[in-house]
Amino acid sequence: MEKQIIYDKQANVAKAIAHPLRMAILDYLRDGPQCVCDIADAVKSERSNISKHLSIMVAAGVLEYRKQGLQVIYKVRTPCILRFVDCLTEALKENALREQKLLNVI
């Protein structure tokens, strides 16, 4: 039963980043904390839409934020999330290489 709780929480974190726009936000936040306005400009989306996605990632513990005057600054809570995203990219590269090798055989 205890493991099921862990699996549920892990799935919740995975779901929180499992969206192309959220992946773009995480990629942008690699360079450090950013305000909503800069995030929206970088990923080419409306601030209201970005705020919705940011709140999902905050609720899942992927991001954290602080207020700085009138701005809200977001950052990645744990850098291992970025390593996980890098792992996904590596898996894509390996899959592409396997597919290329398959095409070369045909």
N, C-alpha and C. Protein backbone atom coordinates (compact mmCIF):
# COMPACT_ATOMS: atom_id res chain seq x y z
N MET A 1 0.81 -1.20 0.00
CA MET A 1 0.00 0.00 0.00
C MET A 1 0.86 1.27 0.00
N GLU A 2 1.94 1.29 0.81
CA GLU A 2 2.79 2.46 0.87
C GLU A 2 3.44 2.74 -0.48
N LYS A 3 3.85 1.69 -1.17
CA LYS A 3 4.46 1.89 -2.49
C LYS A 3 3.45 2.49 -3.47
N GLN A 4 2.20 2.11 -3.36
CA GLN A 4 1.18 2.65 -4.25
C GLN A 4 1.06 4.17 -4.08
N ILE A 5 1.18 4.64 -2.86
CA ILE A 5 1.14 6.09 -2.60
C ILE A 5 2.30 6.77 -3.30
N ILE A 6 3.48 6.17 -3.22
CA ILE A 6 4.66 6.72 -3.89
C ILE A 6 4.44 6.73 -5.40
N TYR A 7 3.94 5.62 -5.95
CA TYR A 7 3.69 5.54 -7.40
C TYR A 7 2.69 6.62 -7.83
N ASP A 8 1.66 6.83 -7.03
CA ASP A 8 0.67 7.86 -7.35
C ASP A 8 1.31 9.25 -7.36
N LYS A 9 2.15 9.51 -6.39
CA LYS A 9 2.82 10.82 -6.33
C LYS A 9 3.82 11.00 -7.48
N GLN A 10 4.53 9.92 -7.82
CA GLN A 10 5.45 9.99 -8.96
C GLN A 10 4.67 10.27 -10.25
N ALA A 11 3.54 9.60 -10.41
CA ALA A 11 2.73 9.82 -11.61
C ALA A 11 2.21 11.25 -11.66
N ASN A 12 1.90 11.81 -10.50
CA ASN A 12 1.42 13.19 -10.45
C ASN A 12 2.50 14.16 -10.93
N VAL A 13 3.73 13.93 -10.52
CA VAL A 13 4.85 14.78 -10.98
C VAL A 13 5.04 14.61 -12.48
N ALA A 14 5.01 13.35 -12.94
CA ALA A 14 5.19 13.09 -14.38
C ALA A 14 4.08 13.77 -15.18
N LYS A 15 2.85 13.70 -14.70
CA LYS A 15 1.73 14.35 -15.41
C LYS A 15 1.91 15.86 -15.44
N ALA A 16 2.49 16.40 -14.37
CA ALA A 16 2.66 17.85 -14.29
C ALA A 16 3.63 18.38 -15.33
N ILE A 17 4.54 17.54 -15.81
CA ILE A 17 5.47 18.01 -16.84
C ILE A 17 5.14 17.46 -18.22
N ALA A 18 4.15 16.58 -18.28
CA ALA A 18 3.82 15.89 -19.53
C ALA A 18 2.94 16.73 -20.45
N HIS A 19 3.47 17.86 -20.84
CA HIS A 19 2.78 18.75 -21.79
C HIS A 19 3.87 19.52 -22.53
N PRO A 20 3.75 19.67 -23.84
CA PRO A 20 4.81 20.36 -24.59
C PRO A 20 5.14 21.76 -24.08
N LEU A 21 4.13 22.52 -23.70
CA LEU A 21 4.38 23.87 -23.21
C LEU A 21 5.10 23.84 -21.86
N ARG A 22 4.76 22.87 -21.03
CA ARG A 22 5.44 22.75 -19.74
C ARG A 22 6.89 22.32 -19.93
N MET A 23 7.13 21.49 -20.92
CA MET A 23 8.52 21.12 -21.23
C MET A 23 9.30 22.35 -21.68
N ALA A 24 8.67 23.19 -22.48
CA ALA A 24 9.32 24.43 -22.95
C ALA A 24 9.61 25.36 -21.77
N ILE A 25 8.67 25.43 -20.84
CA ILE A 25 8.87 26.27 -19.65
C ILE A 25 10.06 25.74 -18.85
N LEU A 26 10.10 24.43 -18.63
CA LEU A 26 11.22 23.84 -17.89
C LEU A 26 12.55 24.11 -18.59
N ASP A 27 12.55 23.99 -19.90
CA ASP A 27 13.77 24.25 -20.66
C ASP A 27 14.22 25.69 -20.47
N TYR A 28 13.28 26.61 -20.51
CA TYR A 28 13.62 28.02 -20.33
C TYR A 28 14.14 28.29 -18.91
N LEU A 29 13.58 27.60 -17.93
CA LEU A 29 13.99 27.82 -16.54
C LEU A 29 15.33 27.16 -16.19
N ARG A 30 15.91 26.45 -17.16
CA ARG A 30 17.25 25.86 -16.94
C ARG A 30 18.27 26.93 -16.56
N ASP A 31 18.10 28.10 -17.14
CA ASP A 31 19.08 29.18 -16.93
C ASP A 31 18.86 29.94 -15.63
N GLY A 32 17.85 29.53 -14.86
CA GLY A 32 17.61 30.18 -13.58
C GLY A 32 16.22 30.76 -13.47
N PRO A 33 15.93 31.36 -12.33
CA PRO A 33 14.59 31.91 -12.06
C PRO A 33 14.19 32.97 -13.08
N GLN A 34 12.91 32.97 -13.40
CA GLN A 34 12.38 33.93 -14.39
C GLN A 34 10.98 34.38 -13.98
N CYS A 35 10.62 35.58 -14.40
CA CYS A 35 9.27 36.08 -14.15
C CYS A 35 8.31 35.54 -15.21
N VAL A 36 7.03 35.57 -14.87
CA VAL A 36 6.00 35.06 -15.78
C VAL A 36 6.07 35.76 -17.14
N CYS A 37 6.28 37.07 -17.12
CA CYS A 37 6.31 37.81 -18.39
C CYS A 37 7.42 37.32 -19.31
N ASP A 38 8.60 37.06 -18.75
CA ASP A 38 9.71 36.57 -19.57
C ASP A 38 9.47 35.13 -20.04
N ILE A 39 8.89 34.33 -19.17
CA ILE A 39 8.57 32.94 -19.56
C ILE A 39 7.59 32.95 -20.72
N ALA A 40 6.55 33.77 -20.61
CA ALA A 40 5.53 33.85 -21.67
C ALA A 40 6.15 34.29 -22.99
N ASP A 41 7.02 35.27 -22.94
CA ASP A 41 7.69 35.74 -24.17
C ASP A 41 8.57 34.64 -24.75
N ALA A 42 9.30 33.95 -23.89
CA ALA A 42 10.24 32.93 -24.35
C ALA A 42 9.55 31.74 -25.02
N VAL A 43 8.41 31.34 -24.47
CA VAL A 43 7.72 30.16 -25.02
C VAL A 43 6.58 30.55 -25.95
N LYS A 44 6.45 31.86 -26.19
CA LYS A 44 5.47 32.40 -27.14
C LYS A 44 4.04 31.95 -26.82
N SER A 45 3.61 32.31 -25.62
CA SER A 45 2.25 32.00 -25.19
C SER A 45 1.74 33.14 -24.32
N GLU A 46 0.44 33.20 -24.16
CA GLU A 46 -0.18 34.25 -23.34
C GLU A 46 0.13 34.03 -21.86
N ARG A 47 0.26 35.13 -21.15
CA ARG A 47 0.58 35.04 -19.72
C ARG A 47 -0.46 34.24 -18.95
N SER A 48 -1.74 34.41 -19.28
CA SER A 48 -2.78 33.67 -18.56
C SER A 48 -2.62 32.17 -18.76
N ASN A 49 -2.27 31.76 -19.97
CA ASN A 49 -2.05 30.35 -20.26
C ASN A 49 -0.81 29.84 -19.52
N ILE A 50 0.24 30.63 -19.53
CA ILE A 50 1.47 30.25 -18.83
C ILE A 50 1.20 30.12 -17.34
N SER A 51 0.45 31.05 -16.78
CA SER A 51 0.14 31.01 -15.36
C SER A 51 -0.58 29.72 -14.98
N LYS A 52 -1.48 29.28 -15.83
CA LYS A 52 -2.20 28.03 -15.58
C LYS A 52 -1.22 26.85 -15.53
N HIS A 53 -0.32 26.80 -16.49
CA HIS A 53 0.64 25.70 -16.53
C HIS A 53 1.63 25.79 -15.37
N LEU A 54 2.04 26.99 -15.02
CA LEU A 54 2.95 27.17 -13.88
C LEU A 54 2.29 26.68 -12.59
N SER A 55 1.01 26.99 -12.42
CA SER A 55 0.34 26.59 -11.18
C SER A 55 0.23 25.07 -11.07
N ILE A 56 0.06 24.39 -12.20
CA ILE A 56 0.03 22.92 -12.19
C ILE A 56 1.37 22.37 -11.74
N MET A 57 2.45 22.96 -12.25
CA MET A 57 3.78 22.47 -11.88
C MET A 57 4.15 22.84 -10.43
N VAL A 58 3.66 23.97 -9.95
CA VAL A 58 3.89 24.34 -8.54
C VAL A 58 3.14 23.35 -7.64
N ALA A 59 1.89 23.06 -7.97
CA ALA A 59 1.08 22.14 -7.16
C ALA A 59 1.71 20.76 -7.07
N ALA A 60 2.39 20.34 -8.13
CA ALA A 60 3.04 19.02 -8.15
C ALA A 60 4.43 19.05 -7.52
N GLY A 61 4.90 20.23 -7.13
CA GLY A 61 6.22 20.33 -6.51
C GLY A 61 7.37 20.41 -7.49
N VAL A 62 7.06 20.64 -8.76
CA VAL A 62 8.10 20.73 -9.78
C VAL A 62 8.76 22.11 -9.75
N LEU A 63 7.96 23.14 -9.53
CA LEU A 63 8.45 24.53 -9.49
C LEU A 63 8.12 25.15 -8.14
N GLU A 64 8.81 26.23 -7.84
CA GLU A 64 8.46 27.06 -6.71
C GLU A 64 8.53 28.52 -7.17
N TYR A 65 7.95 29.40 -6.39
CA TYR A 65 7.93 30.81 -6.79
C TYR A 65 8.11 31.71 -5.59
N ARG A 66 8.45 32.95 -5.91
CA ARG A 66 8.53 34.00 -4.89
C ARG A 66 8.05 35.29 -5.54
N LYS A 67 7.51 36.15 -4.73
CA LYS A 67 7.07 37.45 -5.23
C LYS A 67 8.21 38.44 -5.05
N GLN A 68 8.40 39.23 -6.10
CA GLN A 68 9.44 40.26 -6.09
C GLN A 68 8.77 41.54 -6.59
N GLY A 69 8.30 42.35 -5.67
CA GLY A 69 7.53 43.52 -6.07
C GLY A 69 6.23 43.07 -6.70
N LEU A 70 5.99 43.52 -7.91
CA LEU A 70 4.78 43.12 -8.63
C LEU A 70 4.98 41.86 -9.46
N GLN A 71 6.21 41.40 -9.54
CA GLN A 71 6.51 40.22 -10.35
C GLN A 71 6.47 38.95 -9.51
N VAL A 72 6.15 37.84 -10.21
CA VAL A 72 6.24 36.52 -9.59
C VAL A 72 7.35 35.78 -10.34
N ILE A 73 8.33 35.34 -9.59
CA ILE A 73 9.51 34.69 -10.15
C ILE A 73 9.42 33.19 -9.88
N TYR A 74 9.57 32.40 -10.93
CA TYR A 74 9.49 30.94 -10.83
C TYR A 74 10.86 30.31 -11.05
N LYS A 75 11.08 29.19 -10.37
CA LYS A 75 12.30 28.42 -10.58
C LYS A 75 12.00 26.94 -10.38
N VAL A 76 12.88 26.13 -10.94
CA VAL A 76 12.76 24.68 -10.79
C VAL A 76 13.10 24.35 -9.33
N ARG A 77 12.21 23.60 -8.68
CA ARG A 77 12.41 23.27 -7.27
C ARG A 77 13.58 22.31 -7.07
N THR A 78 13.64 21.26 -7.87
CA THR A 78 14.74 20.29 -7.75
C THR A 78 15.35 20.06 -9.12
N PRO A 79 16.65 20.28 -9.25
CA PRO A 79 17.33 20.15 -10.54
C PRO A 79 17.21 18.76 -11.17
N CYS A 80 16.91 17.74 -10.36
CA CYS A 80 16.79 16.39 -10.92
C CYS A 80 15.66 16.32 -11.95
N ILE A 81 14.69 17.22 -11.85
CA ILE A 81 13.61 17.27 -12.85
C ILE A 81 14.21 17.54 -14.22
N LEU A 82 15.19 18.43 -14.28
CA LEU A 82 15.84 18.75 -15.56
C LEU A 82 16.64 17.56 -16.06
N ARG A 83 17.24 16.82 -15.14
CA ARG A 83 17.96 15.61 -15.56
C ARG A 83 16.98 14.57 -16.12
N PHE A 84 15.78 14.52 -15.54
CA PHE A 84 14.75 13.62 -16.05
C PHE A 84 14.37 14.02 -17.48
N VAL A 85 14.19 15.32 -17.71
CA VAL A 85 13.87 15.81 -19.05
C VAL A 85 15.02 15.49 -20.01
N ASP A 86 16.26 15.65 -19.55
CA ASP A 86 17.42 15.29 -20.37
C ASP A 86 17.40 13.80 -20.70
N CYS A 87 17.00 12.98 -19.74
CA CYS A 87 16.90 11.54 -19.96
C CYS A 87 15.87 11.24 -21.05
N LEU A 88 14.75 11.96 -21.02
CA LEU A 88 13.73 11.79 -22.06
C LEU A 88 14.30 12.13 -23.44
N THR A 89 15.07 13.20 -23.50
CA THR A 89 15.70 13.60 -24.76
C THR A 89 16.67 12.53 -25.24
N GLU A 90 17.44 11.98 -24.31
CA GLU A 90 18.39 10.91 -24.66
C GLU A 90 17.65 9.69 -25.20
N ALA A 91 16.52 9.36 -24.58
CA ALA A 91 15.72 8.23 -25.06
C ALA A 91 15.21 8.49 -26.48
N LEU A 92 14.81 9.72 -26.76
CA LEU A 92 14.37 10.08 -28.12
C LEU A 92 15.50 9.90 -29.12
N LYS A 93 16.69 10.33 -28.74
CA LYS A 93 17.86 10.19 -29.63
C LYS A 93 18.15 8.72 -29.91
N GLU A 94 18.12 7.91 -28.85
CA GLU A 94 18.37 6.47 -29.03
C GLU A 94 17.30 5.83 -29.91
N ASN A 95 16.06 6.22 -29.72
CA ASN A 95 14.97 5.70 -30.57
C ASN A 95 15.17 6.10 -32.03
N ALA A 96 15.58 7.34 -32.24
CA ALA A 96 15.81 7.81 -33.61
C ALA A 96 16.95 7.04 -34.26
N LEU A 97 18.00 6.76 -33.49
CA LEU A 97 19.12 5.97 -34.04
C LEU A 97 18.68 4.56 -34.41
N ARG A 98 17.87 3.93 -33.54
CA ARG A 98 17.37 2.59 -33.84
C ARG A 98 16.51 2.60 -35.10
N GLU A 99 15.65 3.61 -35.21
CA GLU A 99 14.80 3.72 -36.40
C GLU A 99 15.63 3.93 -37.65
N GLN A 100 16.68 4.75 -37.54
CA GLN A 100 17.55 5.01 -38.68
C GLN A 100 18.25 3.72 -39.12
N LYS A 101 18.73 2.95 -38.15
CA LYS A 101 19.38 1.69 -38.45
C LYS A 101 18.40 0.74 -39.13
N LEU A 102 17.16 0.73 -38.68
CA LEU A 102 16.13 -0.11 -39.30
C LEU A 102 15.90 0.32 -40.74
N LEU A 103 15.83 1.61 -40.98
CA LEU A 103 15.62 2.11 -42.33
C LEU A 103 16.80 1.77 -43.23
N ASN A 104 17.99 1.75 -42.68
CA ASN A 104 19.17 1.40 -43.47
C ASN A 104 19.16 -0.07 -43.89
N VAL A 105 18.49 -0.90 -43.11
CA VAL A 105 18.40 -2.33 -43.41
C VAL A 105 17.39 -2.57 -44.53
N ILE A 106 16.38 -1.74 -44.58
CA ILE A 106 15.31 -1.94 -45.57
C ILE A 106 15.80 -1.64 -46.97
